[in-house]
Structure formats: C-alpha cells, structure tokens
Amino acid sequence: MITPQNNPEQDIFDDAKNADEVLKEKLADAMTPGYQAEFDPDEAERCGAFVEEALSEEDAAESVVDLDDGVAASEQEI
C-alpha cells in the first residue's frame, strides 16, 4: 500500500496573496461594460470606495457662523 506524503510547502496557502489576485481580477471585470462585479465591504474599502470627504466638525461649526452673519446683514437692510 502506498501512503500519501504531505508536502508542507504545497499545503501552505497565502491568503493575502490570493485575496490580492482575486481583487485584481474583480477590478478588471468591473472595467468590462455591462458586467456588474460584486465586492464585499472589505474589498470595496481596499479599492478606495469609502473615502471620507465630509466636513470636519470644526468646519461645520464655522459654516454656521457664516450663515448667522448673512442673516443678520439681511435683517438690517429691512
């Protein structure tokens, strides 16, 4: 009887490398007109789909001050 021998070098899978290859294939597929490539949330984030471009809290607070100045000036004209 022949016993199977395991080759540890062949049994090791590089998940990060495989994930990169899959992501590259999905991005190539996404460039095909009419094809709807599906990305899980982690893949989408790695591709830059969720870039935060919102105002900071400080910028939002400063924009309210600008509105108050405009309202006060228009009320003085009346």
N, C-alpha and C. Protein backbone atom coordinates (compact mmCIF):
# COMPACT_ATOMS: atom_id res chain seq x y z
N MET A 1 0.84 -1.18 0.00
CA MET A 1 0.00 0.00 0.00
C MET A 1 0.89 1.25 0.00
N ILE A 2 0.48 2.21 -0.79
CA ILE A 2 1.23 3.48 -0.88
C ILE A 2 0.58 4.49 0.05
N THR A 3 1.37 5.08 0.91
CA THR A 3 0.84 6.11 1.81
C THR A 3 1.12 7.47 1.20
N PRO A 4 0.11 8.33 1.20
CA PRO A 4 0.33 9.67 0.65
C PRO A 4 1.28 10.47 1.53
N GLN A 5 2.13 11.21 0.90
CA GLN A 5 3.07 12.05 1.65
C GLN A 5 2.66 13.50 1.47
N ASN A 6 2.63 14.18 2.55
CA ASN A 6 2.28 15.59 2.52
C ASN A 6 3.52 16.43 2.28
N ASN A 7 3.39 17.36 1.40
CA ASN A 7 4.47 18.30 1.14
C ASN A 7 4.06 19.61 1.81
N PRO A 8 4.66 19.97 2.95
CA PRO A 8 4.24 21.17 3.66
C PRO A 8 4.32 22.45 2.83
N GLU A 9 5.24 22.50 1.90
CA GLU A 9 5.36 23.71 1.08
C GLU A 9 4.17 23.88 0.16
N GLN A 10 3.56 22.79 -0.27
CA GLN A 10 2.40 22.87 -1.14
C GLN A 10 1.12 23.08 -0.35
N ASP A 11 1.10 22.73 0.92
CA ASP A 11 -0.10 22.84 1.73
C ASP A 11 -0.33 24.25 2.28
N ILE A 12 0.67 25.09 2.21
CA ILE A 12 0.56 26.44 2.76
C ILE A 12 -0.09 27.35 1.70
N PHE A 13 -1.17 28.01 2.10
CA PHE A 13 -1.84 28.95 1.22
C PHE A 13 -1.59 30.36 1.74
N ASP A 14 -1.28 31.23 0.84
CA ASP A 14 -1.05 32.62 1.19
C ASP A 14 -2.35 33.38 0.94
N ASP A 15 -3.16 33.53 1.99
CA ASP A 15 -4.47 34.16 1.84
C ASP A 15 -4.37 35.60 1.37
N ALA A 16 -3.39 36.33 1.85
CA ALA A 16 -3.25 37.73 1.43
C ALA A 16 -2.93 37.81 -0.06
N LYS A 17 -2.05 36.94 -0.53
CA LYS A 17 -1.71 36.94 -1.95
C LYS A 17 -2.91 36.53 -2.79
N ASN A 18 -3.64 35.51 -2.34
CA ASN A 18 -4.84 35.08 -3.06
C ASN A 18 -5.89 36.18 -3.09
N ALA A 19 -6.05 36.88 -1.97
CA ALA A 19 -7.03 37.97 -1.90
C ALA A 19 -6.65 39.09 -2.86
N ASP A 20 -5.37 39.39 -2.95
CA ASP A 20 -4.91 40.43 -3.89
C ASP A 20 -5.20 40.04 -5.33
N GLU A 21 -4.96 38.78 -5.66
CA GLU A 21 -5.20 38.31 -7.02
C GLU A 21 -6.68 38.36 -7.36
N VAL A 22 -7.53 37.95 -6.43
CA VAL A 22 -8.97 37.99 -6.65
C VAL A 22 -9.44 39.43 -6.82
N LEU A 23 -8.91 40.33 -6.02
CA LEU A 23 -9.29 41.73 -6.10
C LEU A 23 -8.88 42.32 -7.44
N LYS A 24 -7.69 41.99 -7.92
CA LYS A 24 -7.24 42.47 -9.23
C LYS A 24 -8.16 41.96 -10.34
N GLU A 25 -8.56 40.70 -10.24
CA GLU A 25 -9.47 40.13 -11.24
C GLU A 25 -10.83 40.83 -11.21
N LYS A 26 -11.33 41.11 -10.01
CA LYS A 26 -12.61 41.79 -9.89
C LYS A 26 -12.53 43.20 -10.46
N LEU A 27 -11.42 43.90 -10.21
CA LEU A 27 -11.27 45.25 -10.75
C LEU A 27 -11.22 45.21 -12.27
N ALA A 28 -10.54 44.21 -12.84
CA ALA A 28 -10.50 44.06 -14.29
C ALA A 28 -11.90 43.76 -14.82
N ASP A 29 -12.64 42.90 -14.13
CA ASP A 29 -14.01 42.59 -14.54
C ASP A 29 -14.91 43.82 -14.46
N ALA A 30 -14.69 44.65 -13.45
CA ALA A 30 -15.51 45.86 -13.27
C ALA A 30 -15.33 46.84 -14.43
N MET A 31 -14.22 46.76 -15.12
CA MET A 31 -13.97 47.65 -16.26
C MET A 31 -14.68 47.17 -17.53
N THR A 32 -15.27 45.98 -17.50
CA THR A 32 -15.98 45.44 -18.64
C THR A 32 -17.37 46.06 -18.70
N PRO A 33 -17.72 46.74 -19.78
CA PRO A 33 -19.04 47.37 -19.88
C PRO A 33 -20.17 46.34 -19.72
N GLY A 34 -21.12 46.66 -18.87
CA GLY A 34 -22.27 45.80 -18.65
C GLY A 34 -22.08 44.74 -17.58
N TYR A 35 -20.85 44.49 -17.17
CA TYR A 35 -20.60 43.48 -16.15
C TYR A 35 -20.71 44.12 -14.77
N GLN A 36 -21.41 43.47 -13.87
CA GLN A 36 -21.58 44.00 -12.51
C GLN A 36 -20.74 43.17 -11.54
N ALA A 37 -19.56 43.64 -11.28
CA ALA A 37 -18.67 42.94 -10.34
C ALA A 37 -19.15 43.22 -8.93
N GLU A 38 -19.15 42.19 -8.10
CA GLU A 38 -19.58 42.34 -6.71
C GLU A 38 -18.36 42.34 -5.79
N PHE A 39 -18.34 43.29 -4.88
CA PHE A 39 -17.25 43.42 -3.92
C PHE A 39 -17.84 43.33 -2.52
N ASP A 40 -17.17 42.60 -1.64
CA ASP A 40 -17.61 42.61 -0.25
C ASP A 40 -17.10 43.91 0.38
N PRO A 41 -17.60 44.29 1.55
CA PRO A 41 -17.21 45.58 2.15
C PRO A 41 -15.70 45.76 2.32
N ASP A 42 -15.00 44.71 2.70
CA ASP A 42 -13.54 44.82 2.89
C ASP A 42 -12.84 45.08 1.55
N GLU A 43 -13.28 44.39 0.51
CA GLU A 43 -12.67 44.60 -0.81
C GLU A 43 -12.96 46.01 -1.31
N ALA A 44 -14.17 46.47 -1.11
CA ALA A 44 -14.54 47.81 -1.55
C ALA A 44 -13.70 48.87 -0.84
N GLU A 45 -13.49 48.67 0.46
CA GLU A 45 -12.67 49.62 1.21
C GLU A 45 -11.23 49.61 0.72
N ARG A 46 -10.68 48.42 0.42
CA ARG A 46 -9.32 48.32 -0.10
C ARG A 46 -9.18 49.01 -1.45
N CYS A 47 -10.28 49.07 -2.19
CA CYS A 47 -10.26 49.73 -3.51
C CYS A 47 -10.46 51.23 -3.40
N GLY A 48 -10.75 51.73 -2.19
CA GLY A 48 -10.94 53.16 -2.00
C GLY A 48 -12.37 53.62 -2.23
N ALA A 49 -13.32 52.71 -2.12
CA ALA A 49 -14.71 53.07 -2.37
C ALA A 49 -15.30 53.95 -1.27
N PHE A 50 -14.73 53.89 -0.09
CA PHE A 50 -15.28 54.64 1.03
C PHE A 50 -14.29 55.68 1.52
N VAL A 51 -14.07 56.69 0.71
CA VAL A 51 -13.16 57.76 1.09
C VAL A 51 -13.98 58.84 1.80
N GLU A 52 -13.59 59.16 2.99
CA GLU A 52 -14.32 60.13 3.80
C GLU A 52 -14.00 61.55 3.31
N GLU A 53 -15.03 62.22 2.84
CA GLU A 53 -14.85 63.58 2.33
C GLU A 53 -15.78 64.58 3.02
N ALA A 54 -16.35 64.17 4.12
CA ALA A 54 -17.29 65.04 4.83
C ALA A 54 -16.55 66.18 5.52
N LEU A 55 -17.31 67.20 5.87
CA LEU A 55 -16.74 68.32 6.62
C LEU A 55 -16.33 67.85 8.01
N SER A 56 -15.29 68.43 8.52
CA SER A 56 -14.94 68.15 9.90
C SER A 56 -15.94 68.88 10.79
N GLU A 57 -15.99 68.50 12.04
CA GLU A 57 -16.91 69.15 12.97
C GLU A 57 -16.58 70.64 13.09
N GLU A 58 -15.31 70.96 13.06
CA GLU A 58 -14.87 72.36 13.15
C GLU A 58 -15.33 73.16 11.93
N ASP A 59 -15.15 72.59 10.73
CA ASP A 59 -15.58 73.28 9.51
C ASP A 59 -17.10 73.48 9.49
N ALA A 60 -17.83 72.50 9.98
CA ALA A 60 -19.29 72.62 10.03
C ALA A 60 -19.70 73.74 10.99
N ALA A 61 -19.03 73.82 12.13
CA ALA A 61 -19.35 74.87 13.10
C ALA A 61 -19.03 76.25 12.53
N GLU A 62 -17.92 76.38 11.79
CA GLU A 62 -17.56 77.66 11.18
C GLU A 62 -18.56 78.06 10.11
N SER A 63 -19.13 77.09 9.40
CA SER A 63 -20.08 77.43 8.33
C SER A 63 -21.38 77.97 8.92
N VAL A 64 -21.74 77.57 10.13
CA VAL A 64 -22.94 78.09 10.79
C VAL A 64 -22.74 79.56 11.11
N VAL A 65 -21.54 79.94 11.53
CA VAL A 65 -21.23 81.33 11.85
C VAL A 65 -21.42 82.19 10.60
N ASP A 66 -20.99 81.70 9.44
CA ASP A 66 -21.16 82.44 8.20
C ASP A 66 -22.63 82.68 7.89
N LEU A 67 -23.47 81.70 8.16
CA LEU A 67 -24.90 81.87 7.91
C LEU A 67 -25.50 82.90 8.84
N ASP A 68 -25.08 82.91 10.09
CA ASP A 68 -25.60 83.88 11.05
C ASP A 68 -25.24 85.30 10.61
N ASP A 69 -24.04 85.53 10.09
CA ASP A 69 -23.64 86.85 9.64
C ASP A 69 -24.49 87.29 8.45
N GLY A 70 -24.78 86.39 7.55
CA GLY A 70 -25.60 86.72 6.37
C GLY A 70 -27.02 87.05 6.75
N VAL A 71 -27.59 86.34 7.70
CA VAL A 71 -28.97 86.59 8.15
C VAL A 71 -29.03 87.93 8.87
N ALA A 72 -28.05 88.21 9.70
CA ALA A 72 -28.04 89.47 10.44
C ALA A 72 -27.92 90.65 9.49
N ALA A 73 -27.12 90.53 8.44
CA ALA A 73 -26.96 91.62 7.48
C ALA A 73 -28.23 91.84 6.68
N SER A 74 -28.94 90.79 6.32
CA SER A 74 -30.17 90.95 5.55
C SER A 74 -31.28 91.53 6.40
N GLU A 75 -31.31 91.25 7.70
CA GLU A 75 -32.32 91.80 8.60
C GLU A 75 -32.10 93.30 8.80
N GLN A 76 -30.86 93.75 8.75
CA GLN A 76 -30.57 95.17 8.93
C GLN A 76 -31.03 95.97 7.74
N GLU A 77 -31.07 95.37 6.57
CA GLU A 77 -31.48 96.09 5.36
C GLU A 77 -32.98 96.33 5.33
N ILE A 78 -33.76 95.56 6.09
CA ILE A 78 -35.22 95.68 6.06
C ILE A 78 -35.70 96.81 6.89
